Amino acid sequence: MERFGGNAALYERLALKFLDDAHFAALEQALADGDVDAAVREAHTLKGVAGNLSFTALYEAASKVNAALRERDLAEATALMDPARNAHVAVISALSSLRDER
């Protein structure tokens, strides 16, 4: 909340925008295509967005994928996607519930 000046409404609005964020899907596609450069960009952006919104588990998982990709280790990055996928699903599920409660 510190990042958002204690403005819970602003945080909620920005967090809910994450439901439309395409970086995770783009990361999966880049990995499937073997496009390391695109995967690095997507993982880095996903990591940043998750970090800014304090989605800690997703941030940590995306950081590990990003680190592997920076080493150009596509196999390791792909192996690290399961925890990232699980964290992403958890965030999307929580945000969907929040949106549905509104």
PDB file of N, CA and C in Angstrom:
ATOM      1  N   MET A   1       0.811  -1.180   0.000  1.00  0.00           N
ATOM      2  CA  MET A   1       0.000   0.000   0.000  1.00  0.00           C
ATOM      3  C   MET A   1       0.867   1.261   0.000  1.00  0.00           C
ATOM      4  N   GLU A   2       2.077   1.115   0.530  1.00  0.00           N
ATOM      5  CA  GLU A   2       2.969   2.260   0.573  1.00  0.00           C
ATOM      6  C   GLU A   2       3.181   2.846  -0.820  1.00  0.00           C
ATOM      7  N   ARG A   3       3.379   1.969  -1.799  1.00  0.00           N
ATOM      8  CA  ARG A   3       3.589   2.391  -3.180  1.00  0.00           C
ATOM      9  C   ARG A   3       2.426   3.207  -3.723  1.00  0.00           C
ATOM     10  N   PHE A   4       1.256   2.965  -3.173  1.00  0.00           N
ATOM     11  CA  PHE A   4       0.044   3.596  -3.662  1.00  0.00           C
ATOM     12  C   PHE A   4      -0.450   4.686  -2.705  1.00  0.00           C
ATOM     13  N   GLY A   5       0.437   5.139  -1.837  1.00  0.00           N
ATOM     14  CA  GLY A   5       0.098   6.210  -0.915  1.00  0.00           C
ATOM     15  C   GLY A   5      -1.060   5.858   0.008  1.00  0.00           C
ATOM     16  N   GLY A   6      -1.220   4.557   0.295  1.00  0.00           N
ATOM     17  CA  GLY A   6      -2.294   4.113   1.173  1.00  0.00           C
ATOM     18  C   GLY A   6      -3.662   4.131   0.503  1.00  0.00           C
ATOM     19  N   ASN A   7      -3.684   4.361  -0.792  1.00  0.00           N
ATOM     20  CA  ASN A   7      -4.949   4.466  -1.528  1.00  0.00           C
ATOM     21  C   ASN A   7      -5.394   3.072  -1.974  1.00  0.00           C
ATOM     22  N   ALA A   8      -6.243   2.458  -1.164  1.00  0.00           N
ATOM     23  CA  ALA A   8      -6.705   1.090  -1.432  1.00  0.00           C
ATOM     24  C   ALA A   8      -7.509   1.009  -2.723  1.00  0.00           C
ATOM     25  N   ALA A   9      -8.289   2.037  -3.017  1.00  0.00           N
ATOM     26  CA  ALA A   9      -9.098   2.033  -4.250  1.00  0.00           C
ATOM     27  C   ALA A   9      -8.194   2.041  -5.483  1.00  0.00           C
ATOM     28  N   LEU A  10      -7.122   2.806  -5.437  1.00  0.00           N
ATOM     29  CA  LEU A  10      -6.171   2.838  -6.554  1.00  0.00           C
ATOM     30  C   LEU A  10      -5.509   1.475  -6.723  1.00  0.00           C
ATOM     31  N   TYR A  11      -5.058   0.894  -5.604  1.00  0.00           N
ATOM     32  CA  TYR A  11      -4.439  -0.427  -5.675  1.00  0.00           C
ATOM     33  C   TYR A  11      -5.408  -1.449  -6.273  1.00  0.00           C
ATOM     34  N   GLU A  12      -6.638  -1.445  -5.786  1.00  0.00           N
ATOM     35  CA  GLU A  12      -7.617  -2.408  -6.272  1.00  0.00           C
ATOM     36  C   GLU A  12      -7.854  -2.223  -7.771  1.00  0.00           C
ATOM     37  N   ARG A  13      -7.986  -0.981  -8.200  1.00  0.00           N
ATOM     38  CA  ARG A  13      -8.213  -0.714  -9.622  1.00  0.00           C
ATOM     39  C   ARG A  13      -7.052  -1.234 -10.469  1.00  0.00           C
ATOM     40  N   LEU A  14      -5.829  -0.959 -10.037  1.00  0.00           N
ATOM     41  CA  LEU A  14      -4.660  -1.416 -10.797  1.00  0.00           C
ATOM     42  C   LEU A  14      -4.496  -2.929 -10.728  1.00  0.00           C
ATOM     43  N   ALA A  15      -4.771  -3.501  -9.574  1.00  0.00           N
ATOM     44  CA  ALA A  15      -4.655  -4.957  -9.435  1.00  0.00           C
ATOM     45  C   ALA A  15      -5.647  -5.654 -10.355  1.00  0.00           C
ATOM     46  N   LEU A  16      -6.860  -5.146 -10.422  1.00  0.00           N
ATOM     47  CA  LEU A  16      -7.871  -5.773 -11.273  1.00  0.00           C
ATOM     48  C   LEU A  16      -7.519  -5.667 -12.761  1.00  0.00           C
ATOM     49  N   LYS A  17      -6.751  -4.652 -13.122  1.00  0.00           N
ATOM     50  CA  LYS A  17      -6.306  -4.547 -14.517  1.00  0.00           C
ATOM     51  C   LYS A  17      -5.396  -5.714 -14.893  1.00  0.00           C
ATOM     52  N   PHE A  18      -4.802  -6.335 -13.883  1.00  0.00           N
ATOM     53  CA  PHE A  18      -3.932  -7.481 -14.140  1.00  0.00           C
ATOM     54  C   PHE A  18      -4.697  -8.631 -14.781  1.00  0.00           C
ATOM     55  N   LEU A  19      -6.001  -8.681 -14.572  1.00  0.00           N
ATOM     56  CA  LEU A  19      -6.811  -9.729 -15.189  1.00  0.00           C
ATOM     57  C   LEU A  19      -6.715  -9.686 -16.717  1.00  0.00           C
ATOM     58  N   ASP A  20      -6.415  -8.522 -17.270  1.00  0.00           N
ATOM     59  CA  ASP A  20      -6.288  -8.367 -18.721  1.00  0.00           C
ATOM     60  C   ASP A  20      -4.837  -8.403 -19.199  1.00  0.00           C
ATOM     61  N   ASP A  21      -3.911  -8.603 -18.279  1.00  0.00           N
ATOM     62  CA  ASP A  21      -2.492  -8.606 -18.629  1.00  0.00           C
ATOM     63  C   ASP A  21      -2.143  -9.841 -19.455  1.00  0.00           C
ATOM     64  N   ALA A  22      -1.467  -9.620 -20.573  1.00  0.00           N
ATOM     65  CA  ALA A  22      -1.164 -10.708 -21.509  1.00  0.00           C
ATOM     66  C   ALA A  22       0.272 -11.219 -21.410  1.00  0.00           C
ATOM     67  N   HIS A  23       1.041 -10.719 -20.485  1.00  0.00           N
ATOM     68  CA  HIS A  23       2.462 -11.088 -20.437  1.00  0.00           C
ATOM     69  C   HIS A  23       2.703 -12.556 -20.105  1.00  0.00           C
ATOM     70  N   PHE A  24       1.875 -13.145 -19.249  1.00  0.00           N
ATOM     71  CA  PHE A  24       2.082 -14.553 -18.927  1.00  0.00           C
ATOM     72  C   PHE A  24       1.841 -15.424 -20.155  1.00  0.00           C
ATOM     73  N   ALA A  25       0.751 -15.177 -20.849  1.00  0.00           N
ATOM     74  CA  ALA A  25       0.446 -15.944 -22.068  1.00  0.00           C
ATOM     75  C   ALA A  25       1.525 -15.727 -23.123  1.00  0.00           C
ATOM     76  N   ALA A  26       2.008 -14.498 -23.232  1.00  0.00           N
ATOM     77  CA  ALA A  26       3.064 -14.209 -24.207  1.00  0.00           C
ATOM     78  C   ALA A  26       4.364 -14.916 -23.827  1.00  0.00           C
ATOM     79  N   LEU A  27       4.640 -15.021 -22.531  1.00  0.00           N
ATOM     80  CA  LEU A  27       5.822 -15.750 -22.061  1.00  0.00           C
ATOM     81  C   LEU A  27       5.709 -17.222 -22.427  1.00  0.00           C
ATOM     82  N   GLU A  28       4.551 -17.804 -22.164  1.00  0.00           N
ATOM     83  CA  GLU A  28       4.362 -19.212 -22.522  1.00  0.00           C
ATOM     84  C   GLU A  28       4.530 -19.435 -24.025  1.00  0.00           C
ATOM     85  N   GLN A  29       4.007 -18.519 -24.823  1.00  0.00           N
ATOM     86  CA  GLN A  29       4.122 -18.656 -26.271  1.00  0.00           C
ATOM     87  C   GLN A  29       5.569 -18.511 -26.722  1.00  0.00           C
ATOM     88  N   ALA A  30       6.285 -17.553 -26.158  1.00  0.00           N
ATOM     89  CA  ALA A  30       7.687 -17.365 -26.519  1.00  0.00           C
ATOM     90  C   ALA A  30       8.506 -18.605 -26.163  1.00  0.00           C
ATOM     91  N   LEU A  31       8.233 -19.205 -25.007  1.00  0.00           N
ATOM     92  CA  LEU A  31       8.933 -20.433 -24.626  1.00  0.00           C
ATOM     93  C   LEU A  31       8.592 -21.565 -25.593  1.00  0.00           C
ATOM     94  N   ALA A  32       7.327 -21.682 -25.938  1.00  0.00           N
ATOM     95  CA  ALA A  32       6.905 -22.738 -26.874  1.00  0.00           C
ATOM     96  C   ALA A  32       7.557 -22.551 -28.238  1.00  0.00           C
ATOM     97  N   ASP A  33       7.758 -21.288 -28.617  1.00  0.00           N
ATOM     98  CA  ASP A  33       8.382 -20.974 -29.913  1.00  0.00           C
ATOM     99  C   ASP A  33       9.903 -21.051 -29.857  1.00  0.00           C
ATOM    100  N   GLY A  34      10.460 -21.182 -28.649  1.00  0.00           N
ATOM    101  CA  GLY A  34      11.911 -21.198 -28.506  1.00  0.00           C
ATOM    102  C   GLY A  34      12.535 -19.822 -28.698  1.00  0.00           C
ATOM    103  N   ASP A  35      11.744 -18.774 -28.541  1.00  0.00           N
ATOM    104  CA  ASP A  35      12.202 -17.392 -28.735  1.00  0.00           C
ATOM    105  C   ASP A  35      12.688 -16.836 -27.395  1.00  0.00           C
ATOM    106  N   VAL A  36      13.963 -17.038 -27.120  1.00  0.00           N
ATOM    107  CA  VAL A  36      14.529 -16.644 -25.831  1.00  0.00           C
ATOM    108  C   VAL A  36      14.441 -15.144 -25.623  1.00  0.00           C
ATOM    109  N   ASP A  37      14.717 -14.353 -26.660  1.00  0.00           N
ATOM    110  CA  ASP A  37      14.695 -12.899 -26.500  1.00  0.00           C
ATOM    111  C   ASP A  37      13.305 -12.404 -26.114  1.00  0.00           C
ATOM    112  N   ALA A  38      12.279 -12.888 -26.785  1.00  0.00           N
ATOM    113  CA  ALA A  38      10.909 -12.498 -26.438  1.00  0.00           C
ATOM    114  C   ALA A  38      10.556 -13.005 -25.048  1.00  0.00           C
ATOM    115  N   ALA A  39      10.984 -14.206 -24.716  1.00  0.00           N
ATOM    116  CA  ALA A  39      10.693 -14.769 -23.397  1.00  0.00           C
ATOM    117  C   ALA A  39      11.336 -13.942 -22.294  1.00  0.00           C
ATOM    118  N   VAL A  40      12.564 -13.481 -22.520  1.00  0.00           N
ATOM    119  CA  VAL A  40      13.232 -12.625 -21.529  1.00  0.00           C
ATOM    120  C   VAL A  40      12.422 -11.355 -21.310  1.00  0.00           C
ATOM    121  N   ARG A  41      11.985 -10.719 -22.382  1.00  0.00           N
ATOM    122  CA  ARG A  41      11.197  -9.489 -22.260  1.00  0.00           C
ATOM    123  C   ARG A  41       9.894  -9.737 -21.487  1.00  0.00           C
ATOM    124  N   GLU A  42       9.207 -10.807 -21.838  1.00  0.00           N
ATOM    125  CA  GLU A  42       7.930 -11.094 -21.187  1.00  0.00           C
ATOM    126  C   GLU A  42       8.116 -11.463 -19.715  1.00  0.00           C
ATOM    127  N   ALA A  43       9.104 -12.276 -19.416  1.00  0.00           N
ATOM    128  CA  ALA A  43       9.356 -12.671 -18.026  1.00  0.00           C
ATOM    129  C   ALA A  43       9.750 -11.454 -17.190  1.00  0.00           C
ATOM    130  N   HIS A  44      10.571 -10.585 -17.759  1.00  0.00           N
ATOM    131  CA  HIS A  44      11.017  -9.381 -17.051  1.00  0.00           C
ATOM    132  C   HIS A  44       9.824  -8.460 -16.753  1.00  0.00           C
ATOM    133  N   THR A  45       8.975  -8.283 -17.744  1.00  0.00           N
ATOM    134  CA  THR A  45       7.803  -7.428 -17.556  1.00  0.00           C
ATOM    135  C   THR A  45       6.833  -8.035 -16.550  1.00  0.00           C
ATOM    136  N   LEU A  46       6.592  -9.328 -16.662  1.00  0.00           N
ATOM    137  CA  LEU A  46       5.721 -10.008 -15.709  1.00  0.00           C
ATOM    138  C   LEU A  46       6.267  -9.869 -14.294  1.00  0.00           C
ATOM    139  N   LYS A  47       7.550 -10.056 -14.149  1.00  0.00           N
ATOM    140  CA  LYS A  47       8.194  -9.914 -12.846  1.00  0.00           C
ATOM    141  C   LYS A  47       7.975  -8.504 -12.298  1.00  0.00           C
ATOM    142  N   GLY A  48       8.145  -7.503 -13.126  1.00  0.00           N
ATOM    143  CA  GLY A  48       7.976  -6.117 -12.691  1.00  0.00           C
ATOM    144  C   GLY A  48       6.551  -5.805 -12.268  1.00  0.00           C
ATOM    145  N   VAL A  49       5.598  -6.226 -13.071  1.00  0.00           N
ATOM    146  CA  VAL A  49       4.193  -5.972 -12.742  1.00  0.00           C
ATOM    147  C   VAL A  49       3.829  -6.700 -11.443  1.00  0.00           C
ATOM    148  N   ALA A  50       4.221  -7.951 -11.332  1.00  0.00           N
ATOM    149  CA  ALA A  50       3.916  -8.723 -10.123  1.00  0.00           C
ATOM    150  C   ALA A  50       4.568  -8.090  -8.896  1.00  0.00           C
ATOM    151  N   GLY A  51       5.778  -7.625  -9.057  1.00  0.00           N
ATOM    152  CA  GLY A  51       6.469  -6.973  -7.942  1.00  0.00           C
ATOM    153  C   GLY A  51       5.798  -5.678  -7.533  1.00  0.00           C
ATOM    154  N   ASN A  52       5.421  -4.867  -8.513  1.00  0.00           N
ATOM    155  CA  ASN A  52       4.766  -3.593  -8.211  1.00  0.00           C
ATOM    156  C   ASN A  52       3.431  -3.779  -7.515  1.00  0.00           C
ATOM    157  N   LEU A  53       2.746  -4.860  -7.827  1.00  0.00           N
ATOM    158  CA  LEU A  53       1.446  -5.123  -7.216  1.00  0.00           C
ATOM    159  C   LEU A  53       1.546  -6.030  -5.988  1.00  0.00           C
ATOM    160  N   SER A  54       2.774  -6.383  -5.600  1.00  0.00           N
ATOM    161  CA  SER A  54       3.032  -7.229  -4.427  1.00  0.00           C
ATOM    162  C   SER A  54       2.397  -8.611  -4.538  1.00  0.00           C
ATOM    163  N   PHE A  55       2.378  -9.150  -5.744  1.00  0.00           N
ATOM    164  CA  PHE A  55       1.979 -10.541  -5.955  1.00  0.00           C
ATOM    165  C   PHE A  55       3.245 -11.372  -5.744  1.00  0.00           C
ATOM    166  N   THR A  56       3.591 -11.580  -4.500  1.00  0.00           N
ATOM    167  CA  THR A  56       4.896 -12.093  -4.103  1.00  0.00           C
ATOM    168  C   THR A  56       5.253 -13.441  -4.722  1.00  0.00           C
ATOM    169  N   ALA A  57       4.361 -14.407  -4.650  1.00  0.00           N
ATOM    170  CA  ALA A  57       4.680 -15.734  -5.194  1.00  0.00           C
ATOM    171  C   ALA A  57       4.901 -15.667  -6.707  1.00  0.00           C
ATOM    172  N   LEU A  58       4.081 -14.889  -7.392  1.00  0.00           N
ATOM    173  CA  LEU A  58       4.253 -14.742  -8.836  1.00  0.00           C
ATOM    174  C   LEU A  58       5.540 -13.992  -9.143  1.00  0.00           C
ATOM    175  N   TYR A  59       5.843 -12.969  -8.374  1.00  0.00           N
ATOM    176  CA  TYR A  59       7.086 -12.225  -8.550  1.00  0.00           C
ATOM    177  C   TYR A  59       8.297 -13.148  -8.403  1.00  0.00           C
ATOM    178  N   GLU A  60       8.299 -13.955  -7.356  1.00  0.00           N
ATOM    179  CA  GLU A  60       9.436 -14.844  -7.105  1.00  0.00           C
ATOM    180  C   GLU A  60       9.577 -15.891  -8.210  1.00  0.00           C
ATOM    181  N   ALA A  61       8.455 -16.458  -8.640  1.00  0.00           N
ATOM    182  CA  ALA A  61       8.494 -17.464  -9.709  1.00  0.00           C
ATOM    183  C   ALA A  61       8.946 -16.847 -11.019  1.00  0.00           C
ATOM    184  N   ALA A  62       8.418 -15.675 -11.350  1.00  0.00           N
ATOM    185  CA  ALA A  62       8.802 -14.994 -12.595  1.00  0.00           C
ATOM    186  C   ALA A  62      10.276 -14.585 -12.546  1.00  0.00           C
ATOM    187  N   SER A  63      10.763 -14.231 -11.374  1.00  0.00           N
ATOM    188  CA  SER A  63      12.176 -13.870 -11.214  1.00  0.00           C
ATOM    189  C   SER A  63      13.085 -15.044 -11.545  1.00  0.00           C
ATOM    190  N   LYS A  64      12.695 -16.234 -11.099  1.00  0.00           N
ATOM    191  CA  LYS A  64      13.498 -17.424 -11.379  1.00  0.00           C
ATOM    192  C   LYS A  64      13.482 -17.761 -12.867  1.00  0.00           C
ATOM    193  N   VAL A  65      12.311 -17.646 -13.485  1.00  0.00           N
ATOM    194  CA  VAL A  65      12.217 -17.884 -14.931  1.00  0.00           C
ATOM    195  C   VAL A  65      13.072 -16.860 -15.660  1.00  0.00           C
ATOM    196  N   ASN A  66      12.968 -15.617 -15.255  1.00  0.00           N
ATOM    197  CA  ASN A  66      13.739 -14.545 -15.883  1.00  0.00           C
ATOM    198  C   ASN A  66      15.241 -14.787 -15.758  1.00  0.00           C
ATOM    199  N   ALA A  67      15.674 -15.215 -14.577  1.00  0.00           N
ATOM    200  CA  ALA A  67      17.105 -15.469 -14.364  1.00  0.00           C
ATOM    201  C   ALA A  67      17.604 -16.585 -15.288  1.00  0.00           C
ATOM    202  N   ALA A  68      16.822 -17.634 -15.415  1.00  0.00           N
ATOM    203  CA  ALA A  68      17.213 -18.731 -16.314  1.00  0.00           C
ATOM    204  C   ALA A  68      17.278 -18.245 -17.761  1.00  0.00           C
ATOM    205  N   LEU A  69      16.324 -17.426 -18.139  1.00  0.00           N
ATOM    206  CA  LEU A  69      16.317 -16.917 -19.512  1.00  0.00           C
ATOM    207  C   LEU A  69      17.478 -15.969 -19.776  1.00  0.00           C
ATOM    208  N   ARG A  70      17.846 -15.197 -18.792  1.00  0.00           N
ATOM    209  CA  ARG A  70      19.010 -14.297 -18.960  1.00  0.00           C
ATOM    210  C   ARG A  70      20.289 -15.109 -19.193  1.00  0.00           C
ATOM    211  N   GLU A  71      20.298 -16.321 -18.653  1.00  0.00           N
ATOM    212  CA  GLU A  71      21.421 -17.235 -18.899  1.00  0.00           C
ATOM    213  C   GLU A  71      21.216 -18.004 -20.203  1.00  0.00           C
ATOM    214  N   ARG A  72      20.090 -17.717 -20.875  1.00  0.00           N
ATOM    215  CA  ARG A  72      19.717 -18.343 -22.145  1.00  0.00           C
ATOM    216  C   ARG A  72      19.499 -19.850 -21.981  1.00  0.00           C
ATOM    217  N   ASP A  73      19.049 -20.229 -20.786  1.00  0.00           N
ATOM    218  CA  ASP A  73      18.768 -21.629 -20.476  1.00  0.00           C
ATOM    219  C   ASP A  73      17.273 -21.880 -20.629  1.00  0.00           C
ATOM    220  N   LEU A  74      16.880 -22.151 -21.851  1.00  0.00           N
ATOM    221  CA  LEU A  74      15.472 -22.356 -22.184  1.00  0.00           C
ATOM    222  C   LEU A  74      14.886 -23.564 -21.460  1.00  0.00           C
ATOM    223  N   ALA A  75      15.666 -24.626 -21.339  1.00  0.00           N
ATOM    224  CA  ALA A  75      15.184 -25.836 -20.663  1.00  0.00           C
ATOM    225  C   ALA A  75      14.894 -25.551 -19.191  1.00  0.00           C
ATOM    226  N   GLU A  76      15.776 -24.849 -18.518  1.00  0.00           N
ATOM    227  CA  GLU A  76      15.575 -24.520 -17.106  1.00  0.00           C
ATOM    228  C   GLU A  76      14.384 -23.576 -16.944  1.00  0.00           C
ATOM    229  N   ALA A  77      14.293 -22.591 -17.807  1.00  0.00           N
ATOM    230  CA  ALA A  77      13.171 -21.647 -17.739  1.00  0.00           C
ATOM    231  C   ALA A  77      11.850 -22.379 -17.919  1.00  0.00           C
ATOM    232  N   THR A  78      11.811 -23.290 -18.854  1.00  0.00           N
ATOM    233  CA  THR A  78      10.595 -24.066 -19.101  1.00  0.00           C
ATOM    234  C   THR A  78      10.252 -24.925 -17.887  1.00  0.00           C
ATOM    235  N   ALA A  79      11.272 -25.513 -17.275  1.00  0.00           N
ATOM    236  CA  ALA A  79      11.053 -26.337 -16.085  1.00  0.00           C
ATOM    237  C   ALA A  79      10.529 -25.501 -14.915  1.00  0.00           C
ATOM    238  N   LEU A  80      10.876 -24.237 -14.881  1.00  0.00           N
ATOM    239  CA  LEU A  80      10.451 -23.353 -13.794  1.00  0.00           C
ATOM    240  C   LEU A  80       9.056 -22.758 -14.019  1.00  0.00           C
ATOM    241  N   MET A  81       8.449 -23.081 -15.136  1.00  0.00           N
ATOM    242  CA  MET A  81       7.148 -22.491 -15.449  1.00  0.00           C
ATOM    243  C   MET A  81       6.003 -23.064 -14.610  1.00  0.00           C
ATOM    244  N   ASP A  82       6.110 -24.290 -14.128  1.00  0.00           N
ATOM    245  CA  ASP A  82       5.018 -24.846 -13.324  1.00  0.00           C
ATOM    246  C   ASP A  82       4.735 -24.003 -12.079  1.00  0.00           C
ATOM    247  N   PRO A  83       5.756 -23.663 -11.284  1.00  0.00           N
ATOM    248  CA  PRO A  83       5.465 -22.792 -10.128  1.00  0.00           C
ATOM    249  C   PRO A  83       4.953 -21.414 -10.560  1.00  0.00           C
ATOM    250  N   ALA A  84       5.464 -20.902 -11.659  1.00  0.00           N
ATOM    251  CA  ALA A  84       4.997 -19.608 -12.157  1.00  0.00           C
ATOM    252  C   ALA A  84       3.534 -19.711 -12.585  1.00  0.00           C
ATOM    253  N   ARG A  85       3.199 -20.783 -13.259  1.00  0.00           N
ATOM    254  CA  ARG A  85       1.811 -21.003 -13.702  1.00  0.00           C
ATOM    255  C   ARG A  85       0.880 -21.118 -12.502  1.00  0.00           C
ATOM    256  N   ASN A  86       1.307 -21.866 -11.493  1.00  0.00           N
ATOM    257  CA  ASN A  86       0.491 -22.027 -10.283  1.00  0.00           C
ATOM    258  C   ASN A  86       0.274 -20.681  -9.585  1.00  0.00           C
ATOM    259  N   ALA A  87       1.321 -19.892  -9.495  1.00  0.00           N
ATOM    260  CA  ALA A  87       1.216 -18.575  -8.860  1.00  0.00           C
ATOM    261  C   ALA A  87       0.315 -17.658  -9.684  1.00  0.00           C
ATOM    262  N   HIS A  88       0.444 -17.727 -11.003  1.00  0.00           N
ATOM    263  CA  HIS A  88      -0.379 -16.904 -11.876  1.00  0.00           C
ATOM    264  C   HIS A  88      -1.856 -17.289 -11.731  1.00  0.00           C
ATOM    265  N   VAL A  89      -2.136 -18.573 -11.712  1.00  0.00           N
ATOM    266  CA  VAL A  89      -3.515 -19.046 -11.542  1.00  0.00           C
ATOM    267  C   VAL A  89      -4.074 -18.559 -10.201  1.00  0.00           C
ATOM    268  N   ALA A  90      -3.271 -18.610  -9.159  1.00  0.00           N
ATOM    269  CA  ALA A  90      -3.724 -18.167  -7.837  1.00  0.00           C
ATOM    270  C   ALA A  90      -4.068 -16.676  -7.842  1.00  0.00           C
ATOM    271  N   VAL A  91      -3.229 -15.873  -8.488  1.00  0.00           N
ATOM    272  CA  VAL A  91      -3.486 -14.427  -8.571  1.00  0.00           C
ATOM    273  C   VAL A  91      -4.763 -14.171  -9.361  1.00  0.00           C
ATOM    274  N   ILE A  92      -4.876 -14.813 -10.518  1.00  0.00           N
ATOM    275  CA  ILE A  92      -6.055 -14.618 -11.359  1.00  0.00           C
ATOM    276  C   ILE A  92      -7.324 -15.053 -10.622  1.00  0.00           C
ATOM    277  N   SER A  93      -7.249 -16.151  -9.914  1.00  0.00           N
ATOM    278  CA  SER A  93      -8.399 -16.636  -9.161  1.00  0.00           C
ATOM    279  C   SER A  93      -8.812 -15.632  -8.079  1.00  0.00           C
ATOM    280  N   ALA A  94      -7.845 -15.138  -7.335  1.00  0.00           N
ATOM    281  CA  ALA A  94      -8.142 -14.177  -6.267  1.00  0.00           C
ATOM    282  C   ALA A  94      -8.709 -12.882  -6.839  1.00  0.00           C
ATOM    283  N   LEU A  95      -8.113 -12.414  -7.929  1.00  0.00           N
ATOM    284  CA  LEU A  95      -8.595 -11.171  -8.539  1.00  0.00           C
ATOM    285  C   LEU A  95      -9.988 -11.352  -9.139  1.00  0.00           C
ATOM    286  N   SER A  96     -10.240 -12.498  -9.703  1.00  0.00           N
ATOM    287  CA  SER A  96     -11.567 -12.779 -10.270  1.00  0.00           C
ATOM    288  C   SER A  96     -12.621 -12.766  -9.171  1.00  0.00           C
ATOM    289  N   SER A  97     -12.285 -13.358  -8.028  1.00  0.00           N
ATOM    290  CA  SER A  97     -13.200 -13.351  -6.885  1.00  0.00           C
ATOM    291  C   SER A  97     -13.454 -11.923  -6.399  1.00  0.00           C
ATOM    292  N   LEU A  98     -12.399 -11.136  -6.340  1.00  0.00           N
ATOM    293  CA  LEU A  98     -12.529  -9.740  -5.913  1.00  0.00           C
ATOM    294  C   LEU A  98     -13.426  -8.974  -6.884  1.00  0.00           C
ATOM    295  N   ARG A  99     -13.189  -9.161  -8.171  1.00  0.00           N
ATOM    296  CA  ARG A  99     -13.984  -8.479  -9.190  1.00  0.00           C
ATOM    297  C   ARG A  99     -15.459  -8.904  -9.083  1.00  0.00           C
ATOM    298  N   ASP A 100     -15.691 -10.176  -8.866  1.00  0.00           N
ATOM    299  CA  ASP A 100     -17.061 -10.690  -8.805  1.00  0.00           C
ATOM    300  C   ASP A 100     -17.807 -10.182  -7.559  1.00  0.00           C
ATOM    301  N   GLU A 101     -17.055  -9.845  -6.520  1.00  0.00           N
ATOM    302  CA  GLU A 101     -17.662  -9.327  -5.292  1.00  0.00           C
ATOM    303  C   GLU A 101     -18.090  -7.871  -5.429  1.00  0.00           C
ATOM    304  N   ARG A 102     -17.551  -7.206  -6.411  1.00  0.00           N
ATOM    305  CA  ARG A 102     -17.833  -5.766  -6.575  1.00  0.00           C
ATOM    306  C   ARG A 102     -19.188  -5.500  -7.089  1.00  0.00           C
TER     307      ARG A 102
END
